[in-house]
Amino acid sequence: MMLVGKLYEKYLDVLDHHNGNFSMKEPLPEKLKISESGRLSIFYAPFDSVNTKARVVLVGITPGLQQAVNALNAAKQEIDRGVGTLEVVVTAKATASFSGTMRSPLIEMLDHVGLNTALGITSCAALFSDRQDLLHSTSILRYPVFYDGKNYSGSPNMLKTPLLRAALEARFSEEALMLPDAVYVPLGPKVSEGLQHLANKGILNEGHILSGIPHPSGANAERIKYFLGRKSADRLSVKTNPAKIDIAKTALLAKIHKLSLSY
């Protein structure tokens, strides 16, 4: 594990002097605010650790308030125990890392397109159990972003917003340079756009960006069923475009086939 950036040096000291626990019922302390512009604000939470041995990078859009609170409280507990900085940040991030109901459909889709075979594992479920050494979970906007005090979900467009574009280019690029041979699995089209932007700048290998997997949230249940071949095109609602899914899936399968030959 390695740490990226230097913000943790400043903000872990803020945590050290913080009284009590962080709560979902209260906004994050102003002392943790990194920057702001208009209705957008970026706060610090300890998501600075990078698994430099990872072969798969799972990329969300940004940590939400719940993840931030969980990570901050875990970090505060570790600081109070007197452990070293790396252990503080690694433990905090692990406490708040990707989990919950989205994990199962994500594993199914990754196995469906053969990423497990490319990696030489039985199932991508192993990435969350005995082969966690292969996985790095992160966000394209590393630190929690809020819009009008609520979790940022992609609007305004991060690539057209100077504050967010700068955060993406500076901070995510640091992680990408530590993981030049890994493949990147974006969770959602906004994340895919951000990764493609970095590929256009030569920071990421476009062939390693595995776009095309529907976001594994419950709201995408129909798209996921079609992607997995469990629902035919003629039975889809008007909200789901099968042609769009097919085109993305074909491109994704071609990328993974090439990975199978090189991994």
Protein backbone atom coordinates (compact mmCIF):
# COMPACT_ATOMS: atom_id res chain seq x y z
CA MET A 1 0.00 0.00 0.00
CA MET A 2 1.04 3.57 -0.67
CA LEU A 3 -0.45 6.96 0.12
CA VAL A 4 -1.15 9.57 -2.55
CA GLY A 5 -0.96 13.32 -2.22
CA LYS A 6 -0.11 15.14 0.99
CA LEU A 7 -3.53 16.26 2.21
CA TYR A 8 -3.65 13.54 4.86
CA GLU A 9 -0.71 15.23 6.63
CA LYS A 10 -2.84 18.32 7.26
CA TYR A 11 -6.24 16.77 7.83
CA LEU A 12 -5.26 13.86 10.06
CA ASP A 13 -4.02 16.53 12.44
CA VAL A 14 -7.49 18.11 12.24
CA LEU A 15 -9.01 14.73 13.13
CA ASP A 16 -6.59 14.31 16.00
CA HIS A 17 -8.02 17.48 17.58
CA HIS A 18 -11.66 16.74 16.75
CA ASN A 19 -13.94 16.04 19.71
CA GLY A 20 -16.53 13.28 19.45
CA ASN A 21 -17.75 11.31 16.44
CA PHE A 22 -18.77 12.47 12.98
CA SER A 23 -22.46 12.04 12.20
CA MET A 24 -24.77 11.81 9.20
CA LYS A 25 -27.06 14.23 11.01
CA GLU A 26 -24.57 17.07 10.83
CA PRO A 27 -22.57 18.63 7.97
CA LEU A 28 -18.87 17.88 7.89
CA PRO A 29 -16.75 20.43 9.82
CA GLU A 30 -15.59 23.45 7.85
CA LYS A 31 -12.02 22.62 8.88
CA LEU A 32 -12.23 19.58 6.57
CA LYS A 33 -13.24 21.64 3.52
CA ILE A 34 -10.57 21.43 0.82
CA SER A 35 -12.11 23.81 -1.71
CA GLU A 36 -15.38 25.20 -2.99
CA SER A 37 -16.84 26.99 -5.97
CA GLY A 38 -20.39 28.23 -6.14
CA ARG A 39 -22.72 25.43 -5.02
CA LEU A 40 -19.97 22.80 -5.07
CA SER A 41 -17.68 21.89 -2.21
CA ILE A 42 -14.98 19.24 -1.68
CA PHE A 43 -14.21 17.90 1.78
CA TYR A 44 -11.40 15.74 3.07
CA ALA A 45 -11.98 12.15 4.16
CA PRO A 46 -9.16 9.56 4.38
CA PHE A 47 -9.35 7.88 0.97
CA ASP A 48 -5.63 8.31 0.26
CA SER A 49 -4.40 4.71 0.20
CA VAL A 50 -3.61 2.90 -3.05
CA ASN A 51 -3.11 -0.84 -3.48
CA THR A 52 -0.24 -0.62 -5.95
CA LYS A 53 -0.36 -4.39 -6.60
CA ALA A 54 -3.95 -4.27 -7.85
CA ARG A 55 -4.88 -5.52 -11.30
CA VAL A 56 -8.48 -4.29 -11.15
CA VAL A 57 -9.48 -0.74 -10.18
CA LEU A 58 -13.13 -0.30 -9.29
CA VAL A 59 -14.03 3.37 -9.85
CA GLY A 60 -17.07 5.13 -8.41
CA ILE A 61 -17.88 8.79 -8.92
CA THR A 62 -17.12 10.17 -5.42
CA PRO A 63 -17.52 9.03 -1.81
CA GLY A 64 -20.89 9.97 -0.33
CA LEU A 65 -21.52 11.43 3.09
CA GLN A 66 -22.08 8.00 4.65
CA GLN A 67 -18.75 6.73 3.33
CA ALA A 68 -17.03 9.91 4.50
CA VAL A 69 -18.46 9.65 8.01
CA ASN A 70 -17.51 5.97 8.26
CA ALA A 71 -13.95 6.66 7.08
CA LEU A 72 -13.49 9.69 9.34
CA ASN A 73 -14.72 7.88 12.44
CA ALA A 74 -12.52 4.86 11.68
CA ALA A 75 -9.50 7.14 11.18
CA LYS A 76 -10.20 8.98 14.44
CA GLN A 77 -10.30 5.66 16.31
CA GLU A 78 -6.98 4.59 14.80
CA ILE A 79 -5.37 7.95 15.60
CA ASP A 80 -6.55 7.64 19.19
CA ARG A 81 -4.92 4.19 19.30
CA GLY A 82 -1.62 5.79 18.32
CA VAL A 83 -0.97 3.80 15.14
CA GLY A 84 1.05 5.07 12.17
CA THR A 85 -0.33 7.21 9.35
CA LEU A 86 -0.41 4.46 6.72
CA GLU A 87 -2.35 2.14 8.99
CA VAL A 88 -4.77 4.93 9.90
CA VAL A 89 -5.63 5.65 6.27
CA VAL A 90 -5.70 2.03 5.09
CA THR A 91 -8.04 1.00 7.92
CA ALA A 92 -10.28 4.02 7.39
CA LYS A 93 -10.64 3.37 3.67
CA ALA A 94 -11.28 -0.35 4.17
CA THR A 95 -14.05 0.49 6.63
CA ALA A 96 -15.83 2.63 4.05
CA SER A 97 -14.99 0.71 0.87
CA PHE A 98 -17.38 -0.56 -1.81
CA SER A 99 -19.90 -3.03 -0.43
CA GLY A 100 -23.63 -3.61 -0.07
CA THR A 101 -26.31 -4.66 -2.55
CA MET A 102 -24.38 -3.55 -5.65
CA ARG A 103 -21.62 -6.08 -5.13
CA SER A 104 -23.53 -9.19 -6.25
CA PRO A 105 -24.75 -7.89 -9.66
CA LEU A 106 -21.33 -6.36 -10.30
CA ILE A 107 -19.63 -9.72 -9.73
CA GLU A 108 -22.14 -11.44 -12.01
CA MET A 109 -21.53 -8.98 -14.82
CA LEU A 110 -17.74 -9.10 -14.51
CA ASP A 111 -17.82 -12.90 -14.60
CA HIS A 112 -20.31 -12.82 -17.49
CA VAL A 113 -17.85 -10.93 -19.70
CA GLY A 114 -14.94 -13.13 -18.62
CA LEU A 115 -12.84 -10.79 -16.51
CA ASN A 116 -12.37 -13.61 -14.00
CA THR A 117 -10.86 -15.77 -16.72
CA ALA A 118 -8.55 -12.96 -17.84
CA LEU A 119 -7.36 -12.59 -14.25
CA GLY A 120 -6.95 -16.35 -13.74
CA ILE A 121 -9.49 -16.60 -10.92
CA THR A 122 -12.65 -18.70 -10.63
CA SER A 123 -14.94 -15.73 -10.01
CA CYS A 124 -14.59 -12.00 -9.46
CA ALA A 125 -16.17 -12.66 -6.06
CA ALA A 126 -12.62 -13.49 -5.00
CA LEU A 127 -11.71 -9.81 -5.43
CA PHE A 128 -13.74 -9.15 -2.29
CA SER A 129 -12.50 -12.14 -0.29
CA ASP A 130 -9.29 -14.14 -0.64
CA ARG A 131 -7.91 -12.13 -3.60
CA GLN A 132 -8.41 -8.61 -2.32
CA ASP A 133 -4.76 -8.09 -3.21
CA LEU A 134 -5.91 -7.80 -6.84
CA LEU A 135 -8.43 -5.02 -6.17
CA HIS A 136 -8.15 -1.28 -5.64
CA SER A 137 -11.43 0.54 -4.93
CA THR A 138 -11.50 4.27 -5.50
CA SER A 139 -13.47 7.22 -6.88
CA ILE A 140 -12.67 9.36 -9.89
CA LEU A 141 -13.23 12.32 -7.55
CA ARG A 142 -11.22 10.94 -4.63
CA TYR A 143 -12.58 13.13 -1.87
CA PRO A 144 -16.30 13.69 -1.09
CA VAL A 145 -17.98 16.23 -3.35
CA PHE A 146 -21.24 17.92 -2.40
CA TYR A 147 -23.63 20.03 -4.45
CA ASP A 148 -25.84 22.26 -2.33
CA GLY A 149 -24.75 20.13 0.62
CA LYS A 150 -25.97 16.88 -0.97
CA ASN A 151 -23.97 14.01 -2.48
CA TYR A 152 -22.69 14.87 -5.96
CA SER A 153 -24.06 12.45 -8.57
CA GLY A 154 -22.66 13.78 -11.83
CA SER A 155 -24.33 17.15 -12.34
CA PRO A 156 -22.90 19.62 -13.15
CA ASN A 157 -20.64 17.79 -15.60
CA MET A 158 -17.26 17.27 -13.96
CA LEU A 159 -15.35 17.84 -17.20
CA LYS A 160 -17.06 21.21 -17.74
CA THR A 161 -16.64 22.38 -14.15
CA PRO A 162 -13.15 23.78 -13.40
CA LEU A 163 -13.14 22.75 -9.72
CA LEU A 164 -14.03 19.14 -10.48
CA ARG A 165 -11.99 18.82 -13.63
CA ALA A 166 -8.90 20.00 -11.76
CA ALA A 167 -9.57 17.51 -8.96
CA LEU A 168 -9.97 14.68 -11.47
CA GLU A 169 -6.88 15.54 -13.48
CA ALA A 170 -4.59 16.14 -10.52
CA ARG A 171 -5.68 13.57 -7.98
CA PHE A 172 -6.92 10.62 -10.01
CA SER A 173 -3.91 10.89 -12.28
CA GLU A 174 -1.69 10.25 -9.24
CA GLU A 175 -3.41 6.91 -8.67
CA ALA A 176 -3.41 5.99 -12.35
CA LEU A 177 0.34 6.49 -12.60
CA MET A 178 0.81 4.04 -9.73
CA LEU A 179 -1.31 1.42 -11.54
CA PRO A 180 -0.26 1.55 -15.21
CA ASP A 181 -1.03 -2.12 -15.92
CA ALA A 182 -4.37 -2.40 -14.09
CA VAL A 183 -7.79 -2.45 -15.74
CA TYR A 184 -10.37 0.13 -14.73
CA VAL A 185 -14.04 -0.70 -14.18
CA PRO A 186 -16.11 2.51 -14.18
CA LEU A 187 -19.39 2.49 -12.26
CA GLY A 188 -21.62 4.61 -14.45
CA PRO A 189 -21.35 6.69 -17.64
CA LYS A 190 -20.09 9.83 -15.88
CA VAL A 191 -17.12 7.89 -14.54
CA SER A 192 -16.51 6.39 -17.99
CA GLU A 193 -16.39 9.90 -19.46
CA GLY A 194 -13.85 10.95 -16.86
CA LEU A 195 -11.61 7.94 -17.50
CA GLN A 196 -11.85 8.48 -21.26
CA HIS A 197 -10.76 12.09 -20.71
CA LEU A 198 -7.63 10.83 -18.94
CA ALA A 199 -7.02 8.32 -21.74
CA ASN A 200 -7.22 11.16 -24.26
CA LYS A 201 -4.52 12.94 -22.26
CA GLY A 202 -2.32 9.83 -22.35
CA ILE A 203 -2.63 9.12 -18.63
CA LEU A 204 -4.65 5.91 -18.98
CA ASN A 205 -4.49 3.09 -21.53
CA GLU A 206 -7.86 3.20 -23.32
CA GLY A 207 -7.72 -0.56 -23.82
CA HIS A 208 -7.73 -0.98 -20.04
CA ILE A 209 -10.94 1.01 -19.46
CA LEU A 210 -13.72 -1.57 -19.20
CA SER A 211 -16.71 0.66 -19.95
CA GLY A 212 -20.02 -0.91 -20.93
CA ILE A 213 -21.12 -2.62 -17.73
CA PRO A 214 -24.44 -1.15 -16.48
CA HIS A 215 -24.19 0.56 -13.10
CA PRO A 216 -24.91 -2.21 -10.55
CA SER A 217 -27.60 -0.27 -8.67
CA GLY A 218 -31.15 -1.45 -8.17
CA ALA A 219 -32.38 1.31 -10.47
CA ASN A 220 -30.61 -0.48 -13.35
CA ALA A 221 -32.17 -3.90 -12.70
CA GLU A 222 -33.69 -4.21 -16.20
CA ARG A 223 -30.47 -3.19 -17.98
CA ILE A 224 -28.53 -5.68 -15.87
CA LYS A 225 -30.95 -8.50 -16.74
CA TYR A 226 -30.62 -7.74 -20.44
CA PHE A 227 -26.84 -7.48 -20.19
CA LEU A 228 -26.74 -10.91 -18.52
CA GLY A 229 -29.11 -12.42 -21.12
CA ARG A 230 -31.93 -12.94 -18.62
CA LYS A 231 -34.41 -10.70 -20.41
CA SER A 232 -35.01 -10.50 -24.15
CA ALA A 233 -35.11 -7.24 -26.10
CA ASP A 234 -38.81 -7.62 -26.94
CA ARG A 235 -39.69 -7.66 -23.23
CA LEU A 236 -37.82 -4.49 -22.32
CA SER A 237 -39.52 -1.27 -21.29
CA VAL A 238 -39.09 1.88 -23.36
CA LYS A 239 -36.58 3.11 -20.76
CA THR A 240 -33.99 0.53 -21.86
CA ASN A 241 -32.17 0.78 -25.19
CA PRO A 242 -30.94 -2.75 -26.09
CA ALA A 243 -28.90 -1.58 -29.10
CA LYS A 244 -26.86 0.78 -26.93
CA ILE A 245 -26.16 -2.00 -24.42
CA ASP A 246 -25.23 -4.43 -27.21
CA ILE A 247 -22.74 -2.02 -28.80
CA ALA A 248 -21.06 -1.29 -25.47
CA LYS A 249 -20.97 -4.98 -24.55
CA THR A 250 -19.38 -5.98 -27.86
CA ALA A 251 -16.60 -3.42 -27.40
CA LEU A 252 -16.10 -4.57 -23.80
CA LEU A 253 -15.82 -8.25 -24.78
CA ALA A 254 -13.20 -7.34 -27.41
CA LYS A 255 -11.11 -5.53 -24.78
CA ILE A 256 -11.31 -8.41 -22.34
CA HIS A 257 -10.36 -10.89 -25.07
CA LYS A 258 -7.16 -8.91 -25.64
CA LEU A 259 -6.53 -8.81 -21.90
CA SER A 260 -6.84 -12.59 -21.75
CA LEU A 261 -3.99 -12.84 -24.21
CA SER A 262 -1.70 -10.46 -22.31
CA TYR A 263 -2.50 -11.00 -18.63
